PDB file of N, CA and C in Angstrom:
ATOM      1  N   MET A   1      28.707   4.333  19.795  1.00  0.00           N
ATOM      2  CA  MET A   1      27.577   3.662  20.174  1.00  0.00           C
ATOM      3  C   MET A   1      25.933   4.117  20.497  1.00  0.00           C
ATOM      4  N   LYS A   2      26.615   5.003  21.647  1.00  0.00           N
ATOM      5  CA  LYS A   2      26.010   6.024  22.264  1.00  0.00           C
ATOM      6  C   LYS A   2      24.685   6.791  21.674  1.00  0.00           C
ATOM      7  N   ASN A   3      25.379   7.262  20.596  1.00  0.00           N
ATOM      8  CA  ASN A   3      24.215   8.017  19.890  1.00  0.00           C
ATOM      9  C   ASN A   3      23.561   7.361  18.567  1.00  0.00           C
ATOM     10  N   LEU A   4      23.933   5.746  18.509  1.00  0.00           N
ATOM     11  CA  LEU A   4      23.131   5.385  17.961  1.00  0.00           C
ATOM     12  C   LEU A   4      22.087   4.701  18.812  1.00  0.00           C
ATOM     13  N   GLY A   5      21.956   3.958  19.912  1.00  0.00           N
ATOM     14  CA  GLY A   5      20.950   3.932  20.831  1.00  0.00           C
ATOM     15  C   GLY A   5      20.035   4.679  20.642  1.00  0.00           C
ATOM     16  N   GLN A   6      20.466   5.949  20.981  1.00  0.00           N
ATOM     17  CA  GLN A   6      19.908   7.374  20.889  1.00  0.00           C
ATOM     18  C   GLN A   6      18.999   7.433  19.928  1.00  0.00           C
ATOM     19  N   LEU A   7      19.429   7.150  19.020  1.00  0.00           N
ATOM     20  CA  LEU A   7      19.223   6.799  17.426  1.00  0.00           C
ATOM     21  C   LEU A   7      17.817   6.057  17.494  1.00  0.00           C
ATOM     22  N   MET A   8      17.665   4.910  17.955  1.00  0.00           N
ATOM     23  CA  MET A   8      17.311   3.909  17.860  1.00  0.00           C
ATOM     24  C   MET A   8      15.727   4.182  18.861  1.00  0.00           C
ATOM     25  N   LYS A   9      16.694   4.535  19.231  1.00  0.00           N
ATOM     26  CA  LYS A   9      15.432   4.736  20.775  1.00  0.00           C
ATOM     27  C   LYS A   9      14.019   6.310  19.860  1.00  0.00           C
ATOM     28  N   GLN A  10      14.674   6.993  18.990  1.00  0.00           N
ATOM     29  CA  GLN A  10      14.014   8.006  18.861  1.00  0.00           C
ATOM     30  C   GLN A  10      12.823   7.337  17.830  1.00  0.00           C
ATOM     31  N   VAL A  11      13.387   6.937  16.550  1.00  0.00           N
ATOM     32  CA  VAL A  11      13.112   5.600  15.940  1.00  0.00           C
ATOM     33  C   VAL A  11      11.798   5.138  16.530  1.00  0.00           C
ATOM     34  N   GLN A  12      12.180   4.265  17.548  1.00  0.00           N
ATOM     35  CA  GLN A  12      11.033   3.316  18.076  1.00  0.00           C
ATOM     36  C   GLN A  12       9.926   4.820  18.701  1.00  0.00           C
ATOM     37  N   ASP A  13      10.318   5.500  19.185  1.00  0.00           N
ATOM     38  CA  ASP A  13       9.172   6.706  19.746  1.00  0.00           C
ATOM     39  C   ASP A  13       8.858   7.067  18.652  1.00  0.00           C
ATOM     40  N   MET A  14       8.700   7.114  17.400  1.00  0.00           N
ATOM     41  CA  MET A  14       8.271   7.880  16.278  1.00  0.00           C
ATOM     42  C   MET A  14       7.422   6.839  15.874  1.00  0.00           C
ATOM     43  N   GLN A  15       7.628   5.595  15.869  1.00  0.00           N
ATOM     44  CA  GLN A  15       7.256   4.630  14.954  1.00  0.00           C
ATOM     45  C   GLN A  15       5.988   4.037  15.415  1.00  0.00           C
ATOM     46  N   SER A  16       5.643   4.404  17.152  1.00  0.00           N
ATOM     47  CA  SER A  16       4.884   4.359  18.422  1.00  0.00           C
ATOM     48  C   SER A  16       3.992   5.869  17.829  1.00  0.00           C
ATOM     49  N   ARG A  17       4.246   6.753  17.725  1.00  0.00           N
ATOM     50  CA  ARG A  17       3.415   8.345  17.592  1.00  0.00           C
ATOM     51  C   ARG A  17       2.567   7.985  16.291  1.00  0.00           C
ATOM     52  N   MET A  18       3.545   7.150  15.406  1.00  0.00           N
ATOM     53  CA  MET A  18       2.715   7.351  13.967  1.00  0.00           C
ATOM     54  C   MET A  18       2.183   6.291  13.801  1.00  0.00           C
ATOM     55  N   SER A  19       1.750   5.449  14.654  1.00  0.00           N
ATOM     56  CA  SER A  19       0.985   4.113  14.687  1.00  0.00           C
ATOM     57  C   SER A  19      -0.580   4.775  15.106  1.00  0.00           C
ATOM     58  N   GLU A  20       0.039   5.458  16.424  1.00  0.00           N
ATOM     59  CA  GLU A  20      -0.971   6.611  16.805  1.00  0.00           C
ATOM     60  C   GLU A  20      -1.870   7.092  15.864  1.00  0.00           C
ATOM     61  N   MET A  21      -1.011   8.022  15.066  1.00  0.00           N
ATOM     62  CA  MET A  21      -1.513   9.334  14.378  1.00  0.00           C
ATOM     63  C   MET A  21      -2.546   8.043  12.585  1.00  0.00           C
ATOM     64  N   GLN A  22      -1.725   7.096  12.634  1.00  0.00           N
ATOM     65  CA  GLN A  22      -2.336   6.990  11.549  1.00  0.00           C
ATOM     66  C   GLN A  22      -3.906   5.863  11.871  1.00  0.00           C
ATOM     67  N   GLU A  23      -4.040   5.974  13.320  1.00  0.00           N
ATOM     68  CA  GLU A  23      -5.174   5.520  13.478  1.00  0.00           C
ATOM     69  C   GLU A  23      -6.376   6.432  13.552  1.00  0.00           C
ATOM     70  N   LYS A  24      -5.754   7.417  13.913  1.00  0.00           N
ATOM     71  CA  LYS A  24      -7.054   9.279  13.790  1.00  0.00           C
ATOM     72  C   LYS A  24      -7.237   8.905  12.601  1.00  0.00           C
ATOM     73  N   LEU A  25      -6.290   9.105  11.521  1.00  0.00           N
ATOM     74  CA  LEU A  25      -6.812   9.088  10.384  1.00  0.00           C
ATOM     75  C   LEU A  25      -7.937   9.072   9.671  1.00  0.00           C
ATOM     76  N   VAL A  26      -7.965   7.740  10.762  1.00  0.00           N
ATOM     77  CA  VAL A  26      -9.452   6.902   9.466  1.00  0.00           C
ATOM     78  C   VAL A  26     -10.797   8.189  10.253  1.00  0.00           C
ATOM     79  N   ASP A  27     -10.620   8.759  11.326  1.00  0.00           N
ATOM     80  CA  ASP A  27     -11.669   9.278  11.668  1.00  0.00           C
ATOM     81  C   ASP A  27     -11.630  11.376  11.229  1.00  0.00           C
ATOM     82  N   LEU A  28     -10.392  10.859  10.896  1.00  0.00           N
ATOM     83  CA  LEU A  28     -10.410  12.936  10.545  1.00  0.00           C
ATOM     84  C   LEU A  28     -10.886  13.265   9.096  1.00  0.00           C
ATOM     85  N   GLU A  29     -11.903  14.204   8.891  1.00  0.00           N
ATOM     86  CA  GLU A  29     -12.629  14.248   7.679  1.00  0.00           C
ATOM     87  C   GLU A  29     -12.024  16.002   6.893  1.00  0.00           C
ATOM     88  N   ILE A  30     -11.714  16.294   5.437  1.00  0.00           N
ATOM     89  CA  ILE A  30     -11.791  17.034   5.152  1.00  0.00           C
ATOM     90  C   ILE A  30     -12.340  17.432   4.259  1.00  0.00           C
ATOM     91  N   THR A  31     -13.280  18.391   3.988  1.00  0.00           N
ATOM     92  CA  THR A  31     -13.639  18.800   3.099  1.00  0.00           C
ATOM     93  C   THR A  31     -12.910  19.382   1.883  1.00  0.00           C
ATOM     94  N   GLY A  32     -12.914  19.083   0.321  1.00  0.00           N
ATOM     95  CA  GLY A  32     -12.329  20.243  -0.126  1.00  0.00           C
ATOM     96  C   GLY A  32     -13.677  20.898  -1.370  1.00  0.00           C
ATOM     97  N   SER A  33     -13.482  21.671  -1.977  1.00  0.00           N
ATOM     98  CA  SER A  33     -14.603  22.687  -2.893  1.00  0.00           C
ATOM     99  C   SER A  33     -14.178  22.628  -4.104  1.00  0.00           C
ATOM    100  N   SER A  34     -15.260  23.037  -4.540  1.00  0.00           N
ATOM    101  CA  SER A  34     -15.365  23.616  -6.493  1.00  0.00           C
ATOM    102  C   SER A  34     -16.427  24.632  -7.012  1.00  0.00           C
ATOM    103  N   CYS A  35     -16.276  25.308  -7.416  1.00  0.00           N
ATOM    104  CA  CYS A  35     -17.245  25.951  -7.907  1.00  0.00           C
ATOM    105  C   CYS A  35     -18.307  26.855  -6.844  1.00  0.00           C
ATOM    106  N   GLY A  36     -16.638  27.904  -6.162  1.00  0.00           N
ATOM    107  CA  GLY A  36     -17.313  28.572  -5.247  1.00  0.00           C
ATOM    108  C   GLY A  36     -17.896  27.271  -3.665  1.00  0.00           C
ATOM    109  N   GLY A  37     -17.912  26.417  -3.856  1.00  0.00           N
ATOM    110  CA  GLY A  37     -18.800  25.925  -2.732  1.00  0.00           C
ATOM    111  C   GLY A  37     -19.851  25.027  -2.837  1.00  0.00           C
ATOM    112  N   LEU A  38     -20.433  25.492  -4.561  1.00  0.00           N
ATOM    113  CA  LEU A  38     -21.514  24.571  -5.051  1.00  0.00           C
ATOM    114  C   LEU A  38     -21.445  23.055  -4.923  1.00  0.00           C
ATOM    115  N   VAL A  39     -19.938  22.422  -4.890  1.00  0.00           N
ATOM    116  CA  VAL A  39     -19.618  21.124  -4.678  1.00  0.00           C
ATOM    117  C   VAL A  39     -18.606  21.033  -3.796  1.00  0.00           C
ATOM    118  N   GLN A  40     -19.210  20.552  -3.030  1.00  0.00           N
ATOM    119  CA  GLN A  40     -18.301  20.058  -2.084  1.00  0.00           C
ATOM    120  C   GLN A  40     -17.693  18.622  -2.232  1.00  0.00           C
ATOM    121  N   ALA A  41     -16.756  18.253  -1.582  1.00  0.00           N
ATOM    122  CA  ALA A  41     -15.889  16.650  -1.287  1.00  0.00           C
ATOM    123  C   ALA A  41     -15.308  16.557   0.128  1.00  0.00           C
ATOM    124  N   THR A  42     -15.594  15.710   0.809  1.00  0.00           N
ATOM    125  CA  THR A  42     -14.849  15.113   2.214  1.00  0.00           C
ATOM    126  C   THR A  42     -14.503  13.323   2.615  1.00  0.00           C
ATOM    127  N   LEU A  43     -13.156  13.817   2.585  1.00  0.00           N
ATOM    128  CA  LEU A  43     -12.506  12.774   2.036  1.00  0.00           C
ATOM    129  C   LEU A  43     -11.809  12.240   3.920  1.00  0.00           C
ATOM    130  N   ASN A  44     -11.560  11.353   4.010  1.00  0.00           N
ATOM    131  CA  ASN A  44     -10.838  10.946   5.358  1.00  0.00           C
ATOM    132  C   ASN A  44      -9.683  10.822   5.465  1.00  0.00           C
ATOM    133  N   GLY A  45      -8.636  10.749   6.221  1.00  0.00           N
ATOM    134  CA  GLY A  45      -7.097  10.691   6.329  1.00  0.00           C
ATOM    135  C   GLY A  45      -6.593   9.854   5.808  1.00  0.00           C
ATOM    136  N   LYS A  46      -7.251   9.060   4.881  1.00  0.00           N
ATOM    137  CA  LYS A  46      -6.241   7.935   4.435  1.00  0.00           C
ATOM    138  C   LYS A  46      -7.143   8.715   2.509  1.00  0.00           C
ATOM    139  N   GLY A  47      -7.783   8.975   2.456  1.00  0.00           N
ATOM    140  CA  GLY A  47      -8.456   9.915   1.095  1.00  0.00           C
ATOM    141  C   GLY A  47      -8.995   9.622   0.855  1.00  0.00           C
ATOM    142  N   ALA A  48     -10.103   8.517   1.483  1.00  0.00           N
ATOM    143  CA  ALA A  48     -11.253   7.419   0.813  1.00  0.00           C
ATOM    144  C   ALA A  48     -12.629   8.797   0.693  1.00  0.00           C
ATOM    145  N   LEU A  49     -13.602   8.740  -0.479  1.00  0.00           N
ATOM    146  CA  LEU A  49     -14.282   9.496  -0.315  1.00  0.00           C
ATOM    147  C   LEU A  49     -15.941   9.303   0.731  1.00  0.00           C
ATOM    148  N   LYS A  50     -15.159  10.372   1.624  1.00  0.00           N
ATOM    149  CA  LYS A  50     -16.663   9.562   2.656  1.00  0.00           C
ATOM    150  C   LYS A  50     -18.195  10.566   2.135  1.00  0.00           C
ATOM    151  N   ALA A  51     -17.994  11.485   1.612  1.00  0.00           N
ATOM    152  CA  ALA A  51     -19.147  12.809   0.977  1.00  0.00           C
ATOM    153  C   ALA A  51     -18.847  13.159   0.135  1.00  0.00           C
ATOM    154  N   LEU A  52     -20.369  13.893  -0.179  1.00  0.00           N
ATOM    155  CA  LEU A  52     -20.119  14.612  -1.716  1.00  0.00           C
ATOM    156  C   LEU A  52     -21.867  15.404  -1.544  1.00  0.00           C
ATOM    157  N   LYS A  53     -21.277  16.648  -1.530  1.00  0.00           N
ATOM    158  CA  LYS A  53     -21.926  17.550  -1.651  1.00  0.00           C
ATOM    159  C   LYS A  53     -22.384  17.942  -3.075  1.00  0.00           C
ATOM    160  N   ILE A  54     -24.057  18.496  -3.601  1.00  0.00           N
ATOM    161  CA  ILE A  54     -23.635  19.243  -4.999  1.00  0.00           C
ATOM    162  C   ILE A  54     -24.991  20.290  -4.610  1.00  0.00           C
ATOM    163  N   ASP A  55     -24.839  21.476  -5.094  1.00  0.00           N
ATOM    164  CA  ASP A  55     -25.876  22.386  -4.790  1.00  0.00           C
ATOM    165  C   ASP A  55     -27.021  22.317  -5.827  1.00  0.00           C
ATOM    166  N   SER A  56     -28.083  22.079  -5.652  1.00  0.00           N
ATOM    167  CA  SER A  56     -29.322  21.808  -6.472  1.00  0.00           C
ATOM    168  C   SER A  56     -29.184  22.322  -8.063  1.00  0.00           C
ATOM    169  N   THR A  57     -28.847  23.641  -7.801  1.00  0.00           N
ATOM    170  CA  THR A  57     -28.773  24.815  -8.596  1.00  0.00           C
ATOM    171  C   THR A  57     -27.858  24.404  -9.713  1.00  0.00           C
ATOM    172  N   LEU A  58     -27.016  22.846  -9.836  1.00  0.00           N
ATOM    173  CA  LEU A  58     -25.843  22.269 -10.812  1.00  0.00           C
ATOM    174  C   LEU A  58     -26.325  21.434 -11.417  1.00  0.00           C
ATOM    175  N   VAL A  59     -27.723  21.476 -11.012  1.00  0.00           N
ATOM    176  CA  VAL A  59     -28.078  19.856 -11.670  1.00  0.00           C
ATOM    177  C   VAL A  59     -28.998  20.756 -12.357  1.00  0.00           C
ATOM    178  N   GLU A  60     -28.786  20.310 -13.963  1.00  0.00           N
ATOM    179  CA  GLU A  60     -29.739  19.806 -15.251  1.00  0.00           C
ATOM    180  C   GLU A  60     -29.384  19.418 -16.057  1.00  0.00           C
ATOM    181  N   PRO A  61     -30.035  18.838 -16.740  1.00  0.00           N
ATOM    182  CA  PRO A  61     -30.086  18.027 -18.441  1.00  0.00           C
ATOM    183  C   PRO A  61     -29.146  18.962 -18.633  1.00  0.00           C
ATOM    184  N   GLY A  62     -28.384  17.631 -19.167  1.00  0.00           N
ATOM    185  CA  GLY A  62     -27.200  18.517 -20.177  1.00  0.00           C
ATOM    186  C   GLY A  62     -26.305  18.777 -19.416  1.00  0.00           C
ATOM    187  N   GLU A  63     -25.920  18.686 -18.168  1.00  0.00           N
ATOM    188  CA  GLU A  63     -25.143  19.298 -18.091  1.00  0.00           C
ATOM    189  C   GLU A  63     -24.194  18.292 -17.333  1.00  0.00           C
ATOM    190  N   THR A  64     -24.102  17.191 -17.535  1.00  0.00           N
ATOM    191  CA  THR A  64     -23.178  16.792 -16.240  1.00  0.00           C
ATOM    192  C   THR A  64     -22.348  16.562 -17.025  1.00  0.00           C
ATOM    193  N   GLU A  65     -21.697  17.132 -17.431  1.00  0.00           N
ATOM    194  CA  GLU A  65     -19.954  16.491 -18.201  1.00  0.00           C
ATOM    195  C   GLU A  65     -19.247  17.958 -16.792  1.00  0.00           C
ATOM    196  N   VAL A  66     -20.082  19.373 -17.039  1.00  0.00           N
ATOM    197  CA  VAL A  66     -19.868  20.330 -16.403  1.00  0.00           C
ATOM    198  C   VAL A  66     -19.441  19.991 -14.874  1.00  0.00           C
ATOM    199  N   LEU A  67     -20.500  19.040 -14.430  1.00  0.00           N
ATOM    200  CA  LEU A  67     -21.086  18.245 -12.909  1.00  0.00           C
ATOM    201  C   LEU A  67     -20.108  17.370 -12.528  1.00  0.00           C
ATOM    202  N   GLU A  68     -19.507  16.453 -13.850  1.00  0.00           N
ATOM    203  CA  GLU A  68     -18.035  15.723 -13.270  1.00  0.00           C
ATOM    204  C   GLU A  68     -17.135  16.388 -13.136  1.00  0.00           C
ATOM    205  N   ASP A  69     -17.448  17.559 -14.057  1.00  0.00           N
ATOM    206  CA  ASP A  69     -15.653  17.872 -13.810  1.00  0.00           C
ATOM    207  C   ASP A  69     -15.395  19.043 -12.877  1.00  0.00           C
ATOM    208  N   LEU A  70     -16.836  20.004 -12.541  1.00  0.00           N
ATOM    209  CA  LEU A  70     -16.554  19.982 -10.514  1.00  0.00           C
ATOM    210  C   LEU A  70     -16.143  19.605  -9.618  1.00  0.00           C
ATOM    211  N   ILE A  71     -16.651  18.248 -10.061  1.00  0.00           N
ATOM    212  CA  ILE A  71     -16.599  16.549  -8.825  1.00  0.00           C
ATOM    213  C   ILE A  71     -14.990  16.472  -8.888  1.00  0.00           C
ATOM    214  N   VAL A  72     -15.061  16.326  -9.872  1.00  0.00           N
ATOM    215  CA  VAL A  72     -13.044  15.667  -9.496  1.00  0.00           C
ATOM    216  C   VAL A  72     -12.260  17.011  -8.834  1.00  0.00           C
ATOM    217  N   THR A  73     -12.597  18.139  -9.443  1.00  0.00           N
ATOM    218  CA  THR A  73     -11.736  19.219  -8.782  1.00  0.00           C
ATOM    219  C   THR A  73     -11.642  19.395  -7.587  1.00  0.00           C
ATOM    220  N   ALA A  74     -13.478  18.780  -6.932  1.00  0.00           N
ATOM    221  CA  ALA A  74     -13.865  19.017  -4.987  1.00  0.00           C
ATOM    222  C   ALA A  74     -13.011  18.167  -4.840  1.00  0.00           C
ATOM    223  N   VAL A  75     -13.361  16.483  -5.516  1.00  0.00           N
ATOM    224  CA  VAL A  75     -12.202  15.840  -4.360  1.00  0.00           C
ATOM    225  C   VAL A  75     -10.769  16.083  -5.299  1.00  0.00           C
ATOM    226  N   ASN A  76      -9.840  16.481  -5.604  1.00  0.00           N
ATOM    227  CA  ASN A  76      -8.710  16.981  -5.776  1.00  0.00           C
ATOM    228  C   ASN A  76      -8.357  17.306  -5.064  1.00  0.00           C
ATOM    229  N   ASP A  77      -9.140  19.013  -4.523  1.00  0.00           N
ATOM    230  CA  ASP A  77      -9.377  19.599  -3.674  1.00  0.00           C
ATOM    231  C   ASP A  77      -8.536  19.307  -2.449  1.00  0.00           C
ATOM    232  N   ALA A  78      -9.973  18.612  -1.574  1.00  0.00           N
ATOM    233  CA  ALA A  78      -9.783  17.308  -0.457  1.00  0.00           C
ATOM    234  C   ALA A  78      -8.511  16.789  -0.651  1.00  0.00           C
ATOM    235  N   LYS A  79      -8.181  16.163  -1.544  1.00  0.00           N
ATOM    236  CA  LYS A  79      -7.414  15.104  -1.304  1.00  0.00           C
ATOM    237  C   LYS A  79      -6.023  15.942  -0.940  1.00  0.00           C
ATOM    238  N   ALA A  80      -5.878  16.953  -1.436  1.00  0.00           N
ATOM    239  CA  ALA A  80      -4.710  17.688  -1.831  1.00  0.00           C
ATOM    240  C   ALA A  80      -4.576  18.562  -0.408  1.00  0.00           C
ATOM    241  N   LYS A  81      -5.711  18.946   0.105  1.00  0.00           N
ATOM    242  CA  LYS A  81      -5.767  19.221   1.786  1.00  0.00           C
ATOM    243  C   LYS A  81      -4.966  18.280   2.211  1.00  0.00           C
ATOM    244  N   VAL A  82      -5.588  16.830   2.473  1.00  0.00           N
ATOM    245  CA  VAL A  82      -5.158  15.684   3.055  1.00  0.00           C
ATOM    246  C   VAL A  82      -3.844  15.277   2.927  1.00  0.00           C
ATOM    247  N   ASP A  83      -3.163  15.908   1.951  1.00  0.00           N
ATOM    248  CA  ASP A  83      -2.063  15.676   1.723  1.00  0.00           C
ATOM    249  C   ASP A  83      -0.473  16.942   2.510  1.00  0.00           C
ATOM    250  N   ASP A  84      -1.673  17.443   2.547  1.00  0.00           N
ATOM    251  CA  ASP A  84      -0.945  18.486   3.802  1.00  0.00           C
ATOM    252  C   ASP A  84      -0.781  18.282   4.885  1.00  0.00           C
ATOM    253  N   ARG A  85      -2.123  17.859   4.946  1.00  0.00           N
ATOM    254  CA  ARG A  85      -2.110  18.033   6.372  1.00  0.00           C
ATOM    255  C   ARG A  85      -1.231  16.425   7.276  1.00  0.00           C
ATOM    256  N   MET A  86      -0.779  15.392   6.077  1.00  0.00           N
ATOM    257  CA  MET A  86      -0.269  14.516   6.462  1.00  0.00           C
ATOM    258  C   MET A  86       0.634  14.889   6.346  1.00  0.00           C
ATOM    259  N   GLN A  87       1.693  16.019   5.865  1.00  0.00           N
ATOM    260  CA  GLN A  87       2.757  16.685   5.390  1.00  0.00           C
ATOM    261  C   GLN A  87       3.241  17.250   6.810  1.00  0.00           C
ATOM    262  N   SER A  88       2.090  18.213   7.603  1.00  0.00           N
ATOM    263  CA  SER A  88       1.882  18.186   8.430  1.00  0.00           C
ATOM    264  C   SER A  88       2.496  17.243   9.720  1.00  0.00           C
ATOM    265  N   GLU A  89       1.801  16.538  10.287  1.00  0.00           N
ATOM    266  CA  GLU A  89       2.006  16.163  11.044  1.00  0.00           C
ATOM    267  C   GLU A  89       2.746  15.021  10.784  1.00  0.00           C
ATOM    268  N   MET A  90       3.357  14.942   9.795  1.00  0.00           N
ATOM    269  CA  MET A  90       4.803  14.050   9.838  1.00  0.00           C
ATOM    270  C   MET A  90       5.809  14.827  10.478  1.00  0.00           C
ATOM    271  N   SER A  91       6.206  16.171   9.711  1.00  0.00           N
ATOM    272  CA  SER A  91       6.670  16.995   9.876  1.00  0.00           C
ATOM    273  C   SER A  91       7.339  16.946  11.822  1.00  0.00           C
ATOM    274  N   LYS A  92       5.869  17.093  12.393  1.00  0.00           N
ATOM    275  CA  LYS A  92       6.056  16.428  13.971  1.00  0.00           C
ATOM    276  C   LYS A  92       6.793  15.796  14.645  1.00  0.00           C
ATOM    277  N   PHE A  93       6.904  14.583  13.592  1.00  0.00           N
ATOM    278  CA  PHE A  93       7.914  13.619  14.016  1.00  0.00           C
ATOM    279  C   PHE A  93       8.965  13.203  13.629  1.00  0.00           C
ATOM    280  N   THR A  94       9.475  13.839  12.824  1.00  0.00           N
ATOM    281  CA  THR A  94      10.336  14.072  12.333  1.00  0.00           C
ATOM    282  C   THR A  94      11.539  15.231  12.835  1.00  0.00           C
ATOM    283  N   GLY A  95      10.965  15.743  12.511  1.00  0.00           N
ATOM    284  CA  GLY A  95      11.131  17.305  12.835  1.00  0.00           C
ATOM    285  C   GLY A  95      12.931  17.218  13.916  1.00  0.00           C
ATOM    286  N   GLY A  96      13.059  15.998  14.996  1.00  0.00           N
ATOM    287  CA  GLY A  96      14.083  16.267  15.433  1.00  0.00           C
ATOM    288  C   GLY A  96      15.481  14.617  15.550  1.00  0.00           C
ATOM    289  N   LEU A  97      14.643  14.321  14.388  1.00  0.00           N
ATOM    290  CA  LEU A  97      15.225  12.789  13.699  1.00  0.00           C
ATOM    291  C   LEU A  97      15.979  13.260  12.535  1.00  0.00           C
ATOM    292  N   PRO A  98      16.944  13.161  12.482  1.00  0.00           N
ATOM    293  CA  PRO A  98      17.763  13.992  11.568  1.00  0.00           C
ATOM    294  C   PRO A  98      17.565  12.533   9.869  1.00  0.00           C
ATOM    295  N   LEU A  99      17.098  12.527   9.125  1.00  0.00           N
ATOM    296  CA  LEU A  99      16.744  11.540   8.354  1.00  0.00           C
ATOM    297  C   LEU A  99      17.701  12.027   7.077  1.00  0.00           C
ATOM    298  N   PRO A 100      17.769  10.667   6.387  1.00  0.00           N
ATOM    299  CA  PRO A 100      18.855  11.388   5.050  1.00  0.00           C
ATOM    300  C   PRO A 100      17.731  12.160   4.266  1.00  0.00           C
ATOM    301  N   PRO A 101      18.082  13.318   2.846  1.00  0.00           N
ATOM    302  CA  PRO A 101      17.201  13.544   1.729  1.00  0.00           C
ATOM    303  C   PRO A 101      16.081  12.435   1.034  1.00  0.00           C
ATOM    304  N   GLY A 102      14.963  13.199   0.500  1.00  0.00           N
ATOM    305  CA  GLY A 102      14.392  11.916   0.123  1.00  0.00           C
ATOM    306  C   GLY A 102      13.795  11.194   1.120  1.00  0.00           C
ATOM    307  N   PHE A 103      14.505  10.728   2.326  1.00  0.00           N
ATOM    308  CA  PHE A 103      13.455   9.670   2.771  1.00  0.00           C
ATOM    309  C   PHE A 103      12.466   9.688   3.596  1.00  0.00           C
ATOM    310  N   LYS A 104      11.488   9.014   3.164  1.00  0.00           N
ATOM    311  CA  LYS A 104       9.807   9.207   3.172  1.00  0.00           C
ATOM    312  C   LYS A 104       9.138   8.185   4.360  1.00  0.00           C
ATOM    313  N   LEU A 105       8.488   8.836   5.392  1.00  0.00           N
ATOM    314  CA  LEU A 105       7.882   8.115   5.962  1.00  0.00           C
ATOM    315  C   LEU A 105       6.083   7.759   5.831  1.00  0.00           C
ATOM    316  N   PRO A 106       5.723   7.270   5.803  1.00  0.00           N
ATOM    317  CA  PRO A 106       5.591   5.960   6.872  1.00  0.00           C
ATOM    318  C   PRO A 106       7.003   4.809   5.830  1.00  0.00           C
ATOM    319  N   PHE A 107       7.241   4.388   6.106  1.00  0.00           N
ATOM    320  CA  PHE A 107       8.316   3.215   5.199  1.00  0.00           C
ATOM    321  C   PHE A 107       7.122   2.474   4.551  1.00  0.00           C
TER     322      PHE A 107
END
């Protein structure tokens, strides 16, 4: 039972650190881009779009479809970066904890 007690302690510690990390995620901002940086989308750590910048050279009448595609690409790039950062942060918490394969956190 000693191992179970240690495991429970590790889980409690991890939950505490995860709560702190989740609070910090709102302040985290990650920017993704498309078209060589002409379109940039900034998301917070929760994946919400915080800012969008579009270079004025892209704004031409009749070109809105291309611009829309570039915006989608920039937002998706930022979201992928947020997901990568989350995965990296989560691995810090679960590094020493033996979790079953496929087990995802947070619960």
